[in-house]
Amino acid sequence: MALLAHMQMASGDRLIAFELIPRFGLELVSCHMPRCRDPMETAYPWYVLMELASSNQAEELDPVLERALASAHEKGMVQDAVVAASEEQAEGLWRLRHSLSEAQKYAGGSIKHDLSLPQSRIPQFIQQVTEQLAHRVPGIRPCIFGHLGDGNLHANFTQPEGADKAAFLDCWADISRMVHDLTVEMGGSISAEHGIGRMKVGDLERYKDPAALAAMRRIKTALDPNNILNPGRILAMPGH
């Protein structure tokens, strides 16, 4: 998070993306996804994919990025960096990030979560949730990635190597309860980008303020008295 703050200070509103990628995820993508390779010669536990852009098409962004990275390196925030020298290279780096979810299927079962957290709590969340789930399922493999710039995390957890997939997925309710409890405890939300849908109806009941739920149901009833618009999604409607 110190690097994010540094880049925001050094580049201003030019920083438009700041994506966290774990080593485990990068290994899966590099091994299993087409046209994906590890861009670094040395392995690191965490990576960040960042992008700068400017509304001024004449502005040279390379010097801005290079100065910011050099300063971050001097402060010990960055150990190594790869800078795309062409649109094709930039697309290759983004392909690594966009392939993370799909690549996880090659490692077996995964239990996935779409969360948001205050930026200041993200490092603590990652540490605590990793420790808690390692105690619950020894050998579980975290694949936590996402948009640090706006606090959105995909907190995904892959089965231990060699474990039975079905047995691991049977732990879904327990693991999600632990992840969501910690998320709410740290002031976050159990749903960031992908909504509540059907899967999180019970979670919304558990974590949402009862007064807010009652207000949501009144609005739903006023607009959809017969509950024919997406029934069973977002809200549990008594009597339907």
Foldseek 3Di string as FASTA:
>chain_A
DVLVVLLCVLQPPQKDFKKKWAQVLLVLCQVPPPLAHDPDPDGDGIDIDIGGDDPPPPDDCVVSVVVSVVVCVVVVNDDDDDDDPDPVSSVRVVCSVVCRVVSLVVQAAKQKFKKFADLVCVVVLVVVLVVVVCVVAPQKAWTWMDTSVRRIIITMIHHHHPDDRVVVVVCNVVSLVSSQVVQVVRVMDRHDPPACFQPNQVVCVVRPDPVVLVVVLVVCCVVPVPCPPSRNTNYDHPPD
